[in-house]
Amino acid sequence: MSTNQLDTKSQAWSALFSEPMSDLVKRYTASVFFDKRLWRADIQGSLAHADMLHAQGLISAADWASIEKGMAQITQEIEAGNFEWKLDLEDVHLNIEARLTTLVGDAGKRLHTGRSRNDQVATDVRLWLRGEVDEIGVLLTELQKALVAVAEQNAETILPGFTHLQVAQPVSFGHHLLAYVEMFARDAERLVDLHKRINRLPLGSAALAGTSYPLDRERVARTLGMVDEAGQPAVTQNSLDAVSDRDFAIEFTAAASLVMVHISRFSEELILWMSQSFGFIDLADRFCTGSSIMPQKKNPDVPELARGKTGRVVGHLMGLITLMKGQPLAYNKDNQEDKEPLFDTVDTLKDTLRIFAEMAGGITVKPEAMERAAKKGYATATDLADYLVKKGLPFRDAHEVVAHAVKDAIAAGVDLPELSLDKLQTYNPAIDQDVFEVLSLRGSLNARNLLGGTAPTQVRSQVARHRARLG
């Protein structure tokens, strides 16, 4: 096969081989039709590499200018949808390199000096994921803001708090929503921390052992904004690890899985609250669907689907861990399989966060239904026990006294506040008229006025803290 024929096939490694790759193997091994989304990161990394090659005297000023001009044209072509992605060229890197060489000749061939596709792809994925993590952080902020707004409106709204899905104690609905704000705040913190480990430069590690060319890796890191908190270049320190490491992708997918778990828990509650058995809230029609056979149905499809998509994202995490567990150093073709689960995790998470931020802002609250439900299950029993403790009774004794009172109230079919003062005093003579304020839902709510508690004053304080934090 002639050199020209090989150039037509455009496989950069094919000079060693005596026969072309079969079409089946091309389709099986190619990644261009999913990794082409890395094109902008690939061009960004290549330009930083070319700038450094020129600064180090490894390519001429004319070559550097040609590469820069060629990459600008390729960028225009891709943005306009006019770029021809070729299966024969395997991946995003070779497609862009081949087009560059067509445009600028030998300067395009010199671009690959001192690098391999192994360190190139590791750099591209890090650059791309860095930007996606930043965008996800913004989306998490928007979701938190939406929940904070609803929480502020419902600081005084009484909701039955549950343990074991049974009525436990009354809580503020606003307090309940702020629990999810705390979860999403932790998710955002994890992404900020992860960003530091993503934002490290593998380029210059070449295939696995580094290179004999006098590369200035720190210059490339600075150009790409891959710096640490002190503004110093963040460069990988071991070439073998740099080209084979996918910890950052696994760590991101783990963080994404936690976000989706929090979304799923929220979804489960939305689904329950919207059901006729609860009737606590309603979701806007645009987030629901009807039934093909039952005209009365309004189904919470968005929360249900988010609950399902959580399994999908967690599955990607398991897939990436399994992908890496058996690989020897250094780069192996297995690592091509990291991109589709990573890409899908990013897409799923971003779409979910966008829709939940909008959906949360449109929740219609039904406070009367919530309060009716809170009156079931003897939600203020603990308040009566605390009341007795303040009268001098040891808590364990108070617990037993209240258990007897609840048992009698159940038999009589009444709630604790409906028992007469005379009846309550049979359980303990220290009980007085002020017990009825203690046994009221509002009294129970207001009594928990400590940091982290459910009292409306505390809810408003937390709302103010979150607003200041979120900006």
Protein backbone atom coordinates (compact mmCIF):
# COMPACT_ATOMS: atom_id res chain seq x y z
CA MET A 1 0.00 0.00 0.00
CA SER A 2 1.46 3.35 -1.01
CA THR A 3 1.98 6.28 1.30
CA ASN A 4 -0.75 8.16 -0.52
CA GLN A 5 -3.14 5.28 0.02
CA LEU A 6 -2.32 5.28 3.70
CA ASP A 7 -2.93 9.01 3.85
CA THR A 8 -6.31 8.43 2.26
CA LYS A 9 -7.12 5.94 4.99
CA SER A 10 -5.70 8.55 7.35
CA GLN A 11 -4.74 6.11 10.09
CA ALA A 12 -1.72 7.71 11.70
CA TRP A 13 -0.29 4.40 12.84
CA SER A 14 -0.89 2.26 9.73
CA ALA A 15 2.60 2.24 8.11
CA LEU A 16 3.52 -0.87 10.11
CA PHE A 17 0.54 -2.90 8.95
CA SER A 18 0.25 -5.05 5.84
CA GLU A 19 -3.53 -4.92 5.50
CA PRO A 20 -6.16 -2.31 6.25
CA MET A 21 -8.48 -2.51 9.22
CA SER A 22 -11.77 -4.24 8.47
CA ASP A 23 -14.93 -2.17 8.38
CA LEU A 24 -16.35 -4.15 11.30
CA VAL A 25 -13.30 -3.41 13.44
CA LYS A 26 -13.45 0.25 12.42
CA ARG A 27 -16.99 0.52 13.69
CA TYR A 28 -16.18 -1.47 16.82
CA THR A 29 -13.10 0.54 17.81
CA ALA A 30 -14.00 4.04 16.58
CA SER A 31 -15.14 6.66 19.07
CA VAL A 32 -15.52 9.71 16.86
CA PHE A 33 -19.29 9.74 16.85
CA PHE A 34 -19.45 10.20 20.61
CA ASP A 35 -16.10 11.77 21.52
CA LYS A 36 -16.47 14.53 18.94
CA ARG A 37 -18.09 16.57 21.71
CA LEU A 38 -14.52 17.00 23.01
CA TRP A 39 -13.56 19.01 19.93
CA ARG A 40 -13.35 22.38 21.65
CA ALA A 41 -11.17 20.98 24.45
CA ASP A 42 -9.01 19.19 21.86
CA ILE A 43 -8.38 22.41 19.95
CA GLN A 44 -7.77 24.33 23.18
CA GLY A 45 -5.21 21.77 24.33
CA SER A 46 -3.54 21.63 20.90
CA LEU A 47 -3.15 25.39 20.73
CA ALA A 48 -1.57 25.49 24.18
CA HIS A 49 0.77 22.65 23.15
CA ALA A 50 1.71 24.43 19.90
CA ASP A 51 2.36 27.70 21.74
CA MET A 52 4.75 25.85 24.04
CA LEU A 53 6.46 24.01 21.13
CA HIS A 54 7.15 27.37 19.52
CA ALA A 55 8.39 28.92 22.78
CA GLN A 56 10.75 25.96 23.20
CA GLY A 57 12.08 26.31 19.64
CA LEU A 58 10.59 22.97 18.57
CA ILE A 59 8.46 24.48 15.80
CA SER A 60 8.94 27.70 13.86
CA ALA A 61 6.96 30.89 14.23
CA ALA A 62 5.50 30.26 10.78
CA ASP A 63 4.33 26.78 11.81
CA TRP A 64 2.77 28.17 14.99
CA ALA A 65 0.95 30.86 13.02
CA SER A 66 -0.29 28.29 10.51
CA ILE A 67 -1.56 25.98 13.26
CA GLU A 68 -3.36 28.87 14.94
CA LYS A 69 -4.97 29.94 11.66
CA GLY A 70 -5.93 26.37 10.75
CA MET A 71 -7.50 25.73 14.13
CA ALA A 72 -9.54 28.93 13.80
CA GLN A 73 -10.95 27.67 10.51
CA ILE A 74 -11.70 24.22 11.95
CA THR A 75 -13.51 25.88 14.84
CA GLN A 76 -15.66 27.83 12.38
CA GLU A 77 -16.41 24.70 10.37
CA ILE A 78 -17.47 22.68 13.42
CA GLU A 79 -19.60 25.50 14.83
CA ALA A 80 -21.29 25.92 11.44
CA GLY A 81 -21.93 22.18 11.15
CA ASN A 82 -19.77 21.91 8.03
CA PHE A 83 -17.00 19.75 9.45
CA GLU A 84 -16.92 16.21 8.05
CA TRP A 85 -16.38 13.67 10.81
CA LYS A 86 -14.85 10.50 9.34
CA LEU A 87 -15.14 7.02 10.80
CA ASP A 88 -11.82 6.05 9.20
CA LEU A 89 -10.12 8.62 11.42
CA GLU A 90 -11.27 6.81 14.58
CA ASP A 91 -11.63 9.69 17.02
CA VAL A 92 -11.95 13.41 17.51
CA HIS A 93 -8.18 13.88 17.74
CA LEU A 94 -7.24 12.33 14.40
CA ASN A 95 -10.18 13.98 12.65
CA ILE A 96 -9.03 17.42 13.73
CA GLU A 97 -5.35 16.67 13.08
CA ALA A 98 -6.09 15.35 9.57
CA ARG A 99 -8.16 18.41 8.70
CA LEU A 100 -5.45 20.69 10.08
CA THR A 101 -2.82 18.95 7.96
CA THR A 102 -5.02 19.34 4.89
CA LEU A 103 -5.32 23.05 5.60
CA VAL A 104 -1.74 23.93 6.64
CA GLY A 105 0.43 21.05 5.43
CA ASP A 106 3.52 19.97 7.38
CA ALA A 107 2.84 22.41 10.20
CA GLY A 108 -0.17 20.26 11.08
CA LYS A 109 2.03 17.17 11.22
CA ARG A 110 4.50 18.90 13.54
CA LEU A 111 1.76 19.66 16.06
CA HIS A 112 1.94 16.14 17.47
CA THR A 113 5.60 16.57 18.46
CA GLY A 114 6.16 15.44 22.04
CA ARG A 115 2.68 14.12 22.70
CA SER A 116 0.60 10.95 22.24
CA ARG A 117 -3.11 10.44 21.90
CA ASN A 118 -2.85 8.92 25.38
CA ASP A 119 -1.94 12.16 27.14
CA GLN A 120 -3.95 14.16 24.62
CA VAL A 121 -7.25 12.45 25.41
CA ALA A 122 -6.57 12.56 29.15
CA THR A 123 -6.10 16.33 28.82
CA ASP A 124 -9.17 16.79 26.63
CA VAL A 125 -11.47 14.93 29.00
CA ARG A 126 -10.18 16.92 31.97
CA LEU A 127 -10.64 20.24 30.16
CA TRP A 128 -14.16 19.30 29.06
CA LEU A 129 -15.21 17.94 32.44
CA ARG A 130 -13.81 20.99 34.23
CA GLY A 131 -16.23 23.19 32.33
CA GLU A 132 -19.15 20.84 32.89
CA VAL A 133 -18.49 20.74 36.63
CA ASP A 134 -18.57 24.53 36.73
CA GLU A 135 -21.91 24.55 34.89
CA ILE A 136 -23.37 21.89 37.19
CA GLY A 137 -22.34 24.01 40.16
CA VAL A 138 -24.39 26.89 38.75
CA LEU A 139 -27.39 24.58 38.23
CA LEU A 140 -27.13 23.34 41.81
CA THR A 141 -27.19 26.95 42.97
CA GLU A 142 -30.35 27.63 40.96
CA LEU A 143 -32.09 24.59 42.43
CA GLN A 144 -31.14 25.63 45.95
CA LYS A 145 -32.45 29.15 45.34
CA ALA A 146 -35.77 27.76 44.13
CA LEU A 147 -36.13 25.59 47.24
CA VAL A 148 -35.12 28.43 49.56
CA ALA A 149 -37.83 30.63 48.05
CA VAL A 150 -40.54 28.01 48.69
CA ALA A 151 -39.13 27.37 52.17
CA GLU A 152 -39.35 31.06 53.05
CA GLN A 153 -43.00 31.17 52.00
CA ASN A 154 -43.74 28.13 54.18
CA ALA A 155 -41.78 28.80 57.36
CA GLU A 156 -45.08 28.71 59.31
CA THR A 157 -46.68 25.85 57.38
CA ILE A 158 -47.08 22.77 59.57
CA LEU A 159 -46.13 19.42 58.03
CA PRO A 160 -46.20 16.05 59.76
CA GLY A 161 -42.60 14.95 60.16
CA PHE A 162 -42.14 11.23 59.62
CA THR A 163 -39.84 8.50 60.81
CA HIS A 164 -40.42 5.01 59.41
CA LEU A 165 -43.02 6.80 57.25
CA GLN A 166 -45.21 7.21 60.33
CA VAL A 167 -46.19 10.53 61.90
CA ALA A 168 -43.48 11.48 64.37
CA GLN A 169 -43.45 15.21 65.20
CA PRO A 170 -44.72 18.37 63.52
CA VAL A 171 -42.18 20.29 61.49
CA SER A 172 -42.21 23.41 59.36
CA PHE A 173 -42.60 22.59 55.66
CA GLY A 174 -39.98 25.23 55.04
CA HIS A 175 -37.64 23.39 57.41
CA HIS A 176 -38.28 20.17 55.51
CA LEU A 177 -37.37 21.76 52.17
CA LEU A 178 -34.21 23.28 53.64
CA ALA A 179 -33.04 19.75 54.45
CA TYR A 180 -32.70 19.23 50.69
CA VAL A 181 -30.92 22.57 50.35
CA GLU A 182 -28.33 21.22 52.82
CA MET A 183 -27.92 18.08 50.71
CA PHE A 184 -27.45 20.04 47.49
CA ALA A 185 -25.04 22.40 49.25
CA ARG A 186 -22.87 19.42 50.17
CA ASP A 187 -23.08 18.24 46.57
CA ALA A 188 -21.81 21.62 45.41
CA GLU A 189 -18.95 21.48 47.93
CA ARG A 190 -17.92 18.07 46.61
CA LEU A 191 -17.78 19.41 43.07
CA VAL A 192 -15.62 22.36 44.12
CA ASP A 193 -13.23 19.97 45.83
CA LEU A 194 -13.24 17.61 42.83
CA HIS A 195 -12.49 20.50 40.48
CA LYS A 196 -8.99 20.71 41.99
CA ARG A 197 -8.22 17.11 41.05
CA ILE A 198 -9.70 17.41 37.57
CA ASN A 199 -7.73 20.57 36.84
CA ARG A 200 -4.29 18.94 36.50
CA LEU A 201 -2.35 18.66 33.27
CA PRO A 202 -1.36 15.22 31.91
CA LEU A 203 -0.06 16.61 28.59
CA GLY A 204 3.67 15.97 28.25
CA SER A 205 3.40 12.44 29.61
CA ALA A 206 3.27 11.25 25.98
CA ALA A 207 2.40 7.57 25.55
CA LEU A 208 3.48 6.46 29.02
CA ALA A 209 7.11 7.39 29.77
CA GLY A 210 7.30 11.10 29.11
CA THR A 211 9.28 12.43 26.17
CA SER A 212 12.83 13.32 25.20
CA TYR A 213 11.74 16.72 23.86
CA PRO A 214 12.37 19.69 26.17
CA LEU A 215 8.73 20.46 26.82
CA ASP A 216 7.63 23.16 29.23
CA ARG A 217 4.64 21.46 30.82
CA GLU A 218 4.14 24.24 33.34
CA ARG A 219 3.72 26.78 30.53
CA VAL A 220 0.98 24.64 29.00
CA ALA A 221 -0.72 24.31 32.39
CA ARG A 222 -0.74 28.08 32.86
CA THR A 223 -2.08 28.64 29.34
CA LEU A 224 -4.93 26.22 29.99
CA GLY A 225 -5.70 27.61 33.44
CA MET A 226 -4.65 24.36 35.09
CA VAL A 227 -3.36 25.94 38.27
CA ASP A 228 -3.73 25.22 41.97
CA GLU A 229 -5.30 27.43 44.62
CA ALA A 230 -2.05 29.36 44.94
CA GLY A 231 -2.00 30.03 41.19
CA GLN A 232 0.86 27.61 40.56
CA PRO A 233 0.82 25.23 37.59
CA ALA A 234 -0.96 21.95 38.41
CA VAL A 235 0.90 19.27 36.48
CA THR A 236 0.70 15.50 36.91
CA GLN A 237 3.88 14.13 38.46
CA ASN A 238 4.04 10.57 37.07
CA SER A 239 3.64 9.86 33.36
CA LEU A 240 2.38 6.31 33.84
CA ASP A 241 -0.33 7.43 36.22
CA ALA A 242 -1.19 10.50 34.15
CA VAL A 243 -2.17 8.62 30.98
CA SER A 244 -4.02 5.80 32.74
CA ASP A 245 -5.75 7.70 35.56
CA ARG A 246 -9.52 7.96 35.37
CA ASP A 247 -10.04 8.56 39.08
CA PHE A 248 -11.35 12.03 38.32
CA ALA A 249 -14.07 10.59 36.05
CA ILE A 250 -15.04 8.01 38.66
CA GLU A 251 -15.02 10.62 41.41
CA PHE A 252 -17.22 12.91 39.34
CA THR A 253 -19.67 10.10 38.63
CA ALA A 254 -19.73 9.27 42.33
CA ALA A 255 -20.51 12.90 43.16
CA ALA A 256 -23.15 12.94 40.41
CA SER A 257 -24.67 9.75 41.83
CA LEU A 258 -25.04 11.43 45.21
CA VAL A 259 -26.75 14.43 43.62
CA MET A 260 -29.15 12.06 41.87
CA VAL A 261 -29.76 10.12 45.09
CA HIS A 262 -30.79 13.41 46.73
CA ILE A 263 -32.98 14.21 43.72
CA SER A 264 -34.50 10.73 43.97
CA ARG A 265 -35.33 11.13 47.66
CA PHE A 266 -36.97 14.46 46.93
CA SER A 267 -38.81 12.87 44.00
CA GLU A 268 -40.16 10.11 46.23
CA GLU A 269 -41.58 12.66 48.62
CA LEU A 270 -43.10 14.75 45.83
CA ILE A 271 -44.77 11.61 44.48
CA LEU A 272 -46.14 10.69 47.90
CA TRP A 273 -47.22 14.23 48.76
CA MET A 274 -49.05 14.58 45.44
CA SER A 275 -50.99 11.33 45.83
CA GLN A 276 -54.61 11.44 46.97
CA SER A 277 -53.60 9.59 50.15
CA PHE A 278 -51.51 12.60 51.20
CA GLY A 279 -52.73 15.53 49.12
CA PHE A 280 -50.07 17.85 50.54
CA ILE A 281 -48.98 19.50 47.28
CA ASP A 282 -49.71 19.81 43.60
CA LEU A 283 -47.23 20.08 40.75
CA ALA A 284 -47.74 22.30 37.73
CA ASP A 285 -49.45 20.53 34.83
CA ARG A 286 -46.43 20.98 32.56
CA PHE A 287 -44.45 18.54 34.73
CA CYS A 288 -47.15 15.85 34.70
CA THR A 289 -48.98 13.62 32.25
CA GLY A 290 -52.38 12.00 32.08
CA SER A 291 -53.51 8.44 31.50
CA SER A 292 -54.47 6.91 28.18
CA ILE A 293 -57.40 5.12 29.81
CA MET A 294 -58.22 6.92 33.09
CA PRO A 295 -59.27 10.52 32.43
CA GLN A 296 -59.01 11.57 36.08
CA LYS A 297 -55.29 10.80 36.38
CA LYS A 298 -52.52 13.36 36.81
CA ASN A 299 -49.24 11.52 37.03
CA PRO A 300 -46.00 13.02 38.45
CA ASP A 301 -43.90 11.77 35.55
CA VAL A 302 -40.91 14.08 36.05
CA PRO A 303 -40.18 12.97 39.64
CA GLU A 304 -40.83 9.35 38.71
CA LEU A 305 -38.46 9.52 35.76
CA ALA A 306 -35.80 11.28 37.84
CA ARG A 307 -36.09 8.49 40.38
CA GLY A 308 -35.48 6.03 37.55
CA LYS A 309 -32.62 8.01 36.02
CA THR A 310 -30.86 7.86 39.37
CA GLY A 311 -30.36 4.14 38.81
CA ARG A 312 -28.92 4.93 35.40
CA VAL A 313 -26.32 7.33 36.82
CA VAL A 314 -25.39 4.99 39.68
CA GLY A 315 -25.04 2.26 37.04
CA HIS A 316 -22.53 4.42 35.17
CA LEU A 317 -20.52 4.74 38.38
CA MET A 318 -20.44 0.96 38.77
CA GLY A 319 -19.50 0.62 35.11
CA LEU A 320 -16.54 2.99 35.39
CA ILE A 321 -15.25 1.34 38.54
CA THR A 322 -15.49 -2.06 36.87
CA LEU A 323 -13.81 -0.68 33.75
CA MET A 324 -10.74 0.36 35.73
CA LYS A 325 -10.43 -2.44 38.27
CA GLY A 326 -8.45 -4.91 36.15
CA GLN A 327 -6.24 -2.64 34.06
CA PRO A 328 -2.47 -2.87 34.31
CA LEU A 329 -0.45 0.27 33.73
CA ALA A 330 -0.46 2.23 31.55
CA TYR A 331 -3.03 3.20 28.89
CA ASN A 332 -5.32 0.48 27.54
CA LYS A 333 -8.03 0.66 24.89
CA ASP A 334 -10.55 -0.19 27.64
CA ASN A 335 -10.37 3.47 28.60
CA GLN A 336 -12.24 4.44 25.45
CA GLU A 337 -15.28 3.06 27.27
CA ASP A 338 -15.08 5.79 29.90
CA LYS A 339 -16.58 8.49 27.71
CA GLU A 340 -20.12 7.36 26.98
CA PRO A 341 -21.05 6.78 30.64
CA LEU A 342 -19.30 10.01 31.62
CA PHE A 343 -21.04 12.00 28.89
CA ASP A 344 -24.42 10.50 29.72
CA THR A 345 -23.95 11.19 33.42
CA VAL A 346 -23.24 14.85 32.70
CA ASP A 347 -26.20 15.16 30.32
CA THR A 348 -28.62 13.40 32.67
CA LEU A 349 -27.54 15.41 35.69
CA LYS A 350 -27.71 18.78 33.93
CA ASP A 351 -31.14 18.11 32.45
CA THR A 352 -32.45 16.88 35.80
CA LEU A 353 -31.17 19.89 37.72
CA ARG A 354 -32.61 22.34 35.18
CA ILE A 355 -36.07 20.80 35.26
CA PHE A 356 -36.14 20.42 39.06
CA ALA A 357 -35.19 24.06 39.62
CA GLU A 358 -38.17 25.08 37.52
CA MET A 359 -40.51 22.46 38.96
CA ALA A 360 -39.65 23.27 42.59
CA GLY A 361 -40.57 26.89 42.07
CA GLY A 362 -44.04 25.84 40.89
CA ILE A 363 -45.05 23.64 43.84
CA THR A 364 -48.53 24.44 45.10
CA VAL A 365 -48.69 23.82 48.86
CA LYS A 366 -51.89 22.64 50.59
CA PRO A 367 -51.32 23.65 54.24
CA GLU A 368 -54.74 22.52 55.47
CA ALA A 369 -54.14 18.96 54.31
CA MET A 370 -50.68 18.97 55.90
CA GLU A 371 -52.06 20.19 59.24
CA ARG A 372 -54.87 17.62 59.24
CA ALA A 373 -52.33 14.88 58.70
CA ALA A 374 -50.10 16.25 61.48
CA LYS A 375 -52.97 15.87 63.92
CA LYS A 376 -52.93 12.14 63.34
CA GLY A 377 -50.42 9.89 65.04
CA TYR A 378 -50.08 11.80 68.33
CA ALA A 379 -47.35 14.04 66.94
CA THR A 380 -46.99 16.06 70.18
CA ALA A 381 -46.45 13.10 72.50
CA THR A 382 -42.75 13.91 72.85
CA ASP A 383 -43.71 17.47 73.80
CA LEU A 384 -45.75 16.12 76.70
CA ALA A 385 -42.78 14.01 77.83
CA ASP A 386 -40.50 17.08 77.64
CA TYR A 387 -43.09 19.05 79.60
CA LEU A 388 -43.00 16.46 82.40
CA VAL A 389 -39.20 16.47 82.42
CA LYS A 390 -39.27 20.22 82.97
CA LYS A 391 -41.58 19.52 85.92
CA GLY A 392 -38.85 17.35 87.45
CA LEU A 393 -39.69 13.85 86.14
CA PRO A 394 -36.79 11.74 84.74
CA PHE A 395 -37.18 11.38 80.97
CA ARG A 396 -37.57 7.59 81.02
CA ASP A 397 -40.37 7.89 83.57
CA ALA A 398 -41.96 10.68 81.53
CA HIS A 399 -41.75 8.52 78.42
CA GLU A 400 -43.65 5.73 80.17
CA VAL A 401 -46.29 8.10 81.52
CA VAL A 402 -46.95 9.53 78.07
CA ALA A 403 -47.12 6.07 76.54
CA HIS A 404 -50.01 5.28 78.89
CA ALA A 405 -51.73 8.54 77.97
CA VAL A 406 -51.37 7.77 74.24
CA LYS A 407 -52.71 4.27 74.78
CA ASP A 408 -55.80 5.65 76.50
CA ALA A 409 -56.28 8.33 73.83
CA ILE A 410 -56.13 5.67 71.11
CA ALA A 411 -58.78 3.66 72.94
CA ALA A 412 -60.97 6.74 73.24
CA GLY A 413 -60.39 7.73 69.61
CA VAL A 414 -59.10 11.22 70.50
CA ASP A 415 -55.85 13.15 70.21
CA LEU A 416 -53.81 14.11 73.29
CA PRO A 417 -54.97 17.77 73.32
CA GLU A 418 -58.55 16.48 73.39
CA LEU A 419 -58.03 14.77 76.75
CA SER A 420 -59.39 16.83 79.65
CA LEU A 421 -57.07 18.42 82.18
CA ASP A 422 -58.52 16.14 84.87
CA LYS A 423 -57.74 13.11 82.75
CA LEU A 424 -54.19 14.31 82.04
CA GLN A 425 -53.56 14.93 85.72
CA THR A 426 -54.33 11.27 86.46
CA TYR A 427 -51.07 10.48 84.69
CA ASN A 428 -49.13 13.05 86.68
CA PRO A 429 -50.48 15.70 89.08
CA ALA A 430 -47.83 18.22 87.95
CA ILE A 431 -49.67 18.68 84.66
CA ASP A 432 -51.39 22.07 84.55
CA GLN A 433 -53.45 24.22 82.15
CA ASP A 434 -50.35 25.35 80.27
CA VAL A 435 -49.98 21.81 78.90
CA PHE A 436 -52.49 22.53 76.14
CA GLU A 437 -50.21 25.08 74.51
CA VAL A 438 -47.42 22.50 74.68
CA LEU A 439 -49.67 19.88 73.06
CA SER A 440 -50.71 22.12 70.17
CA LEU A 441 -48.99 21.71 66.80
CA ARG A 442 -48.01 25.36 66.73
CA GLY A 443 -46.66 25.20 70.27
CA SER A 444 -44.60 22.13 69.39
CA LEU A 445 -43.19 23.85 66.33
CA ASN A 446 -42.30 27.08 68.15
CA ALA A 447 -40.70 25.21 71.06
CA ARG A 448 -37.88 23.87 68.86
CA ASN A 449 -36.21 27.24 68.64
CA LEU A 450 -32.58 26.23 68.62
CA LEU A 451 -29.91 26.22 65.91
CA GLY A 452 -30.95 23.65 63.34
CA GLY A 453 -34.44 23.35 64.79
CA THR A 454 -37.79 23.57 63.03
CA ALA A 455 -39.18 26.69 64.71
CA PRO A 456 -40.23 29.30 62.12
CA THR A 457 -37.75 31.83 63.51
CA GLN A 458 -34.98 29.31 62.92
CA VAL A 459 -36.27 28.56 59.43
CA ARG A 460 -36.16 32.25 58.56
CA SER A 461 -32.67 32.51 59.98
CA GLN A 462 -31.55 29.58 57.80
CA VAL A 463 -33.24 31.11 54.77
CA ALA A 464 -31.22 34.29 55.33
CA ARG A 465 -28.02 32.28 55.70
CA HIS A 466 -28.65 30.38 52.48
CA ARG A 467 -29.53 33.55 50.57
CA ALA A 468 -26.26 35.14 51.67
CA ARG A 469 -24.35 31.99 50.74
CA LEU A 470 -25.97 31.56 47.33
CA GLY A 471 -25.78 35.22 46.35
